[in-house]
Amino acid sequence: MSPDKEAGSRESRTKETAGRRRPAKVCRYTLEPSASSLTTLREFIRTTLKPYPHIGPHIEDIVSATHEACKNSLLHNPENECPVDVICRVFANRVIIEVEDSGNGFDPEILPPAPPDPDALEGRGLLIIYSLMDKVEAETGAHGTKIKMQKRFRPAAHAQG
């Protein structure tokens, strides 16, 4: 089933770039608060990025970082009934993903993350995100968290932006 037919999918639209620094594509996804929705999210991001051949070598990095950010939102806010909002903006030379939840937030002093104890069974999510993406910004507080991740690459010869 395509992501547009999934209950979690909100909208997908394409914008003309016309030589401006606007995204070539903006897609939004609402992740329901369940771990099983992560599989659909990963496929949604892959499907969104697949039409852009110059992004191909970076797709799995972007998918993995997005998965980790969303998994953190779900795991660290287990009582939260609110969905997690994901926005994917595709530009000629970068992809920007924003993951926003309305959970309790976290201590921003932990950023950038230090490597966890090698024997730890968890605690690698933020480190993975920082390792896979070129730029990571976080806004966090009592009303939720927003993680903005950016992956840069060389634009395709025919792309603008």
C-alpha atoms as a PDB file:
ATOM      1  CA  MET A   1       0.000   0.000   0.000  1.00  0.00           C
ATOM      2  CA  SER A   2       1.342   3.436  -0.864  1.00  0.00           C
ATOM      3  CA  PRO A   3       2.069   5.883   1.962  1.00  0.00           C
ATOM      4  CA  ASP A   4      -0.622   8.249   0.649  1.00  0.00           C
ATOM      5  CA  LYS A   5      -3.220   5.586   1.382  1.00  0.00           C
ATOM      6  CA  GLU A   6      -1.952   4.912   4.894  1.00  0.00           C
ATOM      7  CA  ALA A   7      -3.910   6.445   7.750  1.00  0.00           C
ATOM      8  CA  GLY A   8      -0.819   8.291   8.941  1.00  0.00           C
ATOM      9  CA  SER A   9      -0.153  10.153   5.705  1.00  0.00           C
ATOM     10  CA  ARG A  10      -1.454  13.730   5.655  1.00  0.00           C
ATOM     11  CA  GLU A  11      -0.318  15.353   2.504  1.00  0.00           C
ATOM     12  CA  SER A  12       2.217  15.438  -0.281  1.00  0.00           C
ATOM     13  CA  ARG A  13       2.601  18.288  -2.723  1.00  0.00           C
ATOM     14  CA  THR A  14       5.126  19.482  -5.263  1.00  0.00           C
ATOM     15  CA  LYS A  15       6.144  23.132  -5.683  1.00  0.00           C
ATOM     16  CA  GLU A  16       7.816  24.645  -8.707  1.00  0.00           C
ATOM     17  CA  THR A  17      11.275  25.939  -7.901  1.00  0.00           C
ATOM     18  CA  ALA A  18      11.473  28.611 -10.626  1.00  0.00           C
ATOM     19  CA  GLY A  19      15.101  29.271  -9.738  1.00  0.00           C
ATOM     20  CA  ARG A  20      14.297  30.275  -6.148  1.00  0.00           C
ATOM     21  CA  ARG A  21      15.457  28.555  -2.995  1.00  0.00           C
ATOM     22  CA  ARG A  22      12.129  26.927  -2.469  1.00  0.00           C
ATOM     23  CA  PRO A  23      11.858  23.211  -1.960  1.00  0.00           C
ATOM     24  CA  ALA A  24      11.205  21.142  -5.048  1.00  0.00           C
ATOM     25  CA  LYS A  25       8.929  19.028  -2.872  1.00  0.00           C
ATOM     26  CA  VAL A  26       7.395  19.269   0.601  1.00  0.00           C
ATOM     27  CA  CYS A  27       5.844  16.188   2.185  1.00  0.00           C
ATOM     28  CA  ARG A  28       4.155  15.887   5.540  1.00  0.00           C
ATOM     29  CA  TYR A  29       3.543  12.743   7.520  1.00  0.00           C
ATOM     30  CA  THR A  30       1.751  12.232  10.815  1.00  0.00           C
ATOM     31  CA  LEU A  31       3.151   9.325  12.762  1.00  0.00           C
ATOM     32  CA  GLU A  32       0.596   7.785  15.079  1.00  0.00           C
ATOM     33  CA  PRO A  33       1.990   6.953  18.534  1.00  0.00           C
ATOM     34  CA  SER A  34       2.826   3.283  17.923  1.00  0.00           C
ATOM     35  CA  ALA A  35       6.087   1.547  17.112  1.00  0.00           C
ATOM     36  CA  SER A  36       4.495  -0.261  14.148  1.00  0.00           C
ATOM     37  CA  SER A  37       4.017   3.065  12.347  1.00  0.00           C
ATOM     38  CA  LEU A  38       7.811   3.437  12.009  1.00  0.00           C
ATOM     39  CA  THR A  39       7.863   0.898   9.161  1.00  0.00           C
ATOM     40  CA  THR A  40       5.387   2.975   7.159  1.00  0.00           C
ATOM     41  CA  LEU A  41       7.341   6.136   7.920  1.00  0.00           C
ATOM     42  CA  ARG A  42      10.577   4.645   6.555  1.00  0.00           C
ATOM     43  CA  GLU A  43       8.814   3.639   3.330  1.00  0.00           C
ATOM     44  CA  PHE A  44       7.192   7.082   3.068  1.00  0.00           C
ATOM     45  CA  ILE A  45      10.599   8.820   3.246  1.00  0.00           C
ATOM     46  CA  ARG A  46      12.143   6.384   0.719  1.00  0.00           C
ATOM     47  CA  THR A  47       9.219   6.905  -1.681  1.00  0.00           C
ATOM     48  CA  THR A  48       9.467  10.688  -1.298  1.00  0.00           C
ATOM     49  CA  LEU A  49      13.201  10.771  -2.094  1.00  0.00           C
ATOM     50  CA  LYS A  50      13.420   8.025  -4.740  1.00  0.00           C
ATOM     51  CA  PRO A  51      12.443  10.267  -7.719  1.00  0.00           C
ATOM     52  CA  TYR A  52      15.634  12.304  -7.189  1.00  0.00           C
ATOM     53  CA  PRO A  53      18.567  10.208  -8.495  1.00  0.00           C
ATOM     54  CA  HIS A  54      21.217  12.544  -7.056  1.00  0.00           C
ATOM     55  CA  ILE A  55      19.789  11.892  -3.561  1.00  0.00           C
ATOM     56  CA  GLY A  56      20.005   8.104  -4.035  1.00  0.00           C
ATOM     57  CA  PRO A  57      23.343   7.584  -2.242  1.00  0.00           C
ATOM     58  CA  HIS A  58      21.970   9.463   0.796  1.00  0.00           C
ATOM     59  CA  ILE A  59      18.487   7.963   1.122  1.00  0.00           C
ATOM     60  CA  GLU A  60      19.321   5.320   3.735  1.00  0.00           C
ATOM     61  CA  ASP A  61      21.163   7.856   5.904  1.00  0.00           C
ATOM     62  CA  ILE A  62      18.131  10.168   5.794  1.00  0.00           C
ATOM     63  CA  VAL A  63      15.697   7.309   6.441  1.00  0.00           C
ATOM     64  CA  SER A  64      17.754   5.994   9.374  1.00  0.00           C
ATOM     65  CA  ALA A  65      18.134   9.426  11.002  1.00  0.00           C
ATOM     66  CA  THR A  66      14.403  10.133  10.599  1.00  0.00           C
ATOM     67  CA  HIS A  67      13.569   6.714  12.055  1.00  0.00           C
ATOM     68  CA  GLU A  68      15.792   7.382  15.094  1.00  0.00           C
ATOM     69  CA  ALA A  69      14.265  10.831  15.723  1.00  0.00           C
ATOM     70  CA  CYS A  70      10.727   9.435  15.519  1.00  0.00           C
ATOM     71  CA  LYS A  71      11.593   6.387  17.612  1.00  0.00           C
ATOM     72  CA  ASN A  72      12.975   8.708  20.299  1.00  0.00           C
ATOM     73  CA  SER A  73       9.718  10.688  20.219  1.00  0.00           C
ATOM     74  CA  LEU A  74       7.696   7.513  20.718  1.00  0.00           C
ATOM     75  CA  LEU A  75       9.951   5.823  23.288  1.00  0.00           C
ATOM     76  CA  HIS A  76      10.573   8.809  25.522  1.00  0.00           C
ATOM     77  CA  ASN A  77       6.926   9.867  25.659  1.00  0.00           C
ATOM     78  CA  PRO A  78       5.057   6.574  26.153  1.00  0.00           C
ATOM     79  CA  GLU A  79       1.965   8.190  27.730  1.00  0.00           C
ATOM     80  CA  ASN A  80       1.722  10.765  24.983  1.00  0.00           C
ATOM     81  CA  GLU A  81      -1.352  10.171  22.831  1.00  0.00           C
ATOM     82  CA  CYS A  82      -0.419  12.901  20.368  1.00  0.00           C
ATOM     83  CA  PRO A  83       1.051  12.040  16.980  1.00  0.00           C
ATOM     84  CA  VAL A  84       4.549  12.936  15.812  1.00  0.00           C
ATOM     85  CA  ASP A  85       4.677  15.328  12.852  1.00  0.00           C
ATOM     86  CA  VAL A  86       7.314  14.821  10.157  1.00  0.00           C
ATOM     87  CA  ILE A  87       8.046  17.310   7.381  1.00  0.00           C
ATOM     88  CA  CYS A  88      10.422  16.455   4.536  1.00  0.00           C
ATOM     89  CA  ARG A  89      11.661  19.295   2.328  1.00  0.00           C
ATOM     90  CA  VAL A  90      13.589  18.349  -0.803  1.00  0.00           C
ATOM     91  CA  PHE A  91      15.860  20.992  -2.302  1.00  0.00           C
ATOM     92  CA  ALA A  92      18.287  20.691  -5.215  1.00  0.00           C
ATOM     93  CA  ASN A  93      21.294  20.452  -2.882  1.00  0.00           C
ATOM     94  CA  ARG A  94      19.866  19.236   0.443  1.00  0.00           C
ATOM     95  CA  VAL A  95      17.039  17.508   2.257  1.00  0.00           C
ATOM     96  CA  ILE A  96      15.650  18.918   5.484  1.00  0.00           C
ATOM     97  CA  ILE A  97      13.605  16.728   7.799  1.00  0.00           C
ATOM     98  CA  GLU A  98      11.763  18.099  10.815  1.00  0.00           C
ATOM     99  CA  VAL A  99      10.367  15.801  13.502  1.00  0.00           C
ATOM    100  CA  GLU A 100       8.110  17.449  16.076  1.00  0.00           C
ATOM    101  CA  ASP A 101       6.323  15.969  19.077  1.00  0.00           C
ATOM    102  CA  SER A 102       4.409  17.379  22.023  1.00  0.00           C
ATOM    103  CA  GLY A 103       6.125  15.293  24.694  1.00  0.00           C
ATOM    104  CA  ASN A 104       8.067  16.357  27.764  1.00  0.00           C
ATOM    105  CA  GLY A 105      11.263  17.351  25.962  1.00  0.00           C
ATOM    106  CA  PHE A 106      14.802  16.583  27.111  1.00  0.00           C
ATOM    107  CA  ASP A 107      17.826  18.357  28.534  1.00  0.00           C
ATOM    108  CA  PRO A 108      19.417  20.292  25.630  1.00  0.00           C
ATOM    109  CA  GLU A 109      22.754  20.231  27.487  1.00  0.00           C
ATOM    110  CA  ILE A 110      23.259  16.672  26.174  1.00  0.00           C
ATOM    111  CA  LEU A 111      23.698  18.013  22.634  1.00  0.00           C
ATOM    112  CA  PRO A 112      25.751  17.197  20.729  1.00  0.00           C
ATOM    113  CA  PRO A 113      25.573  13.724  22.210  1.00  0.00           C
ATOM    114  CA  ALA A 114      28.547  11.902  23.667  1.00  0.00           C
ATOM    115  CA  PRO A 115      29.023   8.239  22.775  1.00  0.00           C
ATOM    116  CA  PRO A 116      27.246   5.945  25.243  1.00  0.00           C
ATOM    117  CA  ASP A 117      29.008   3.318  27.294  1.00  0.00           C
ATOM    118  CA  PRO A 118      30.038   0.543  24.848  1.00  0.00           C
ATOM    119  CA  ASP A 119      28.097  -2.008  26.912  1.00  0.00           C
ATOM    120  CA  ALA A 120      24.889   0.064  26.992  1.00  0.00           C
ATOM    121  CA  LEU A 121      21.916  -1.476  25.219  1.00  0.00           C
ATOM    122  CA  GLU A 122      20.370   1.873  24.338  1.00  0.00           C
ATOM    123  CA  GLY A 123      21.173   5.570  24.152  1.00  0.00           C
ATOM    124  CA  ARG A 124      22.563   5.776  20.625  1.00  0.00           C
ATOM    125  CA  GLY A 125      19.664   7.470  18.812  1.00  0.00           C
ATOM    126  CA  LEU A 126      20.908  11.066  18.931  1.00  0.00           C
ATOM    127  CA  LEU A 127      24.469   9.966  18.211  1.00  0.00           C
ATOM    128  CA  ILE A 128      23.250   8.094  15.115  1.00  0.00           C
ATOM    129  CA  ILE A 129      21.299  11.154  13.950  1.00  0.00           C
ATOM    130  CA  TYR A 130      24.321  13.441  14.394  1.00  0.00           C
ATOM    131  CA  SER A 131      26.562  10.909  12.628  1.00  0.00           C
ATOM    132  CA  LEU A 132      24.317  10.477   9.586  1.00  0.00           C
ATOM    133  CA  MET A 133      23.204  14.055   8.997  1.00  0.00           C
ATOM    134  CA  ASP A 134      25.273  17.147   8.168  1.00  0.00           C
ATOM    135  CA  LYS A 135      23.421  19.535  10.462  1.00  0.00           C
ATOM    136  CA  VAL A 136      21.126  18.894  13.430  1.00  0.00           C
ATOM    137  CA  GLU A 137      19.214  21.482  15.440  1.00  0.00           C
ATOM    138  CA  ALA A 138      16.963  20.805  18.417  1.00  0.00           C
ATOM    139  CA  GLU A 139      14.351  22.907  20.178  1.00  0.00           C
ATOM    140  CA  THR A 140      13.030  21.269  23.315  1.00  0.00           C
ATOM    141  CA  GLY A 141      10.934  22.236  26.283  1.00  0.00           C
ATOM    142  CA  ALA A 142       7.874  21.432  28.342  1.00  0.00           C
ATOM    143  CA  HIS A 143       5.618  21.561  25.275  1.00  0.00           C
ATOM    144  CA  GLY A 144       7.602  19.205  23.089  1.00  0.00           C
ATOM    145  CA  THR A 145      10.638  18.762  20.928  1.00  0.00           C
ATOM    146  CA  LYS A 146      11.483  19.671  17.352  1.00  0.00           C
ATOM    147  CA  ILE A 147      14.509  18.075  15.695  1.00  0.00           C
ATOM    148  CA  LYS A 148      15.586  19.624  12.385  1.00  0.00           C
ATOM    149  CA  MET A 149      18.032  17.498  10.378  1.00  0.00           C
ATOM    150  CA  GLN A 150      19.768  18.442   7.148  1.00  0.00           C
ATOM    151  CA  LYS A 151      21.643  16.297   4.636  1.00  0.00           C
ATOM    152  CA  ARG A 152      23.607  18.176   1.961  1.00  0.00           C
ATOM    153  CA  PHE A 153      24.809  16.847  -1.394  1.00  0.00           C
ATOM    154  CA  ARG A 154      25.828  18.005  -4.838  1.00  0.00           C
ATOM    155  CA  PRO A 155      22.810  19.026  -6.868  1.00  0.00           C
ATOM    156  CA  ALA A 156      22.028  17.200 -10.053  1.00  0.00           C
ATOM    157  CA  ALA A 157      23.171  19.006 -13.217  1.00  0.00           C
ATOM    158  CA  HIS A 158      19.562  19.713 -14.194  1.00  0.00           C
ATOM    159  CA  ALA A 159      18.309  20.676 -10.709  1.00  0.00           C
ATOM    160  CA  GLN A 160      17.872  24.234  -9.489  1.00  0.00           C
ATOM    161  CA  GLY A 161      17.743  25.673  -5.961  1.00  0.00           C
END
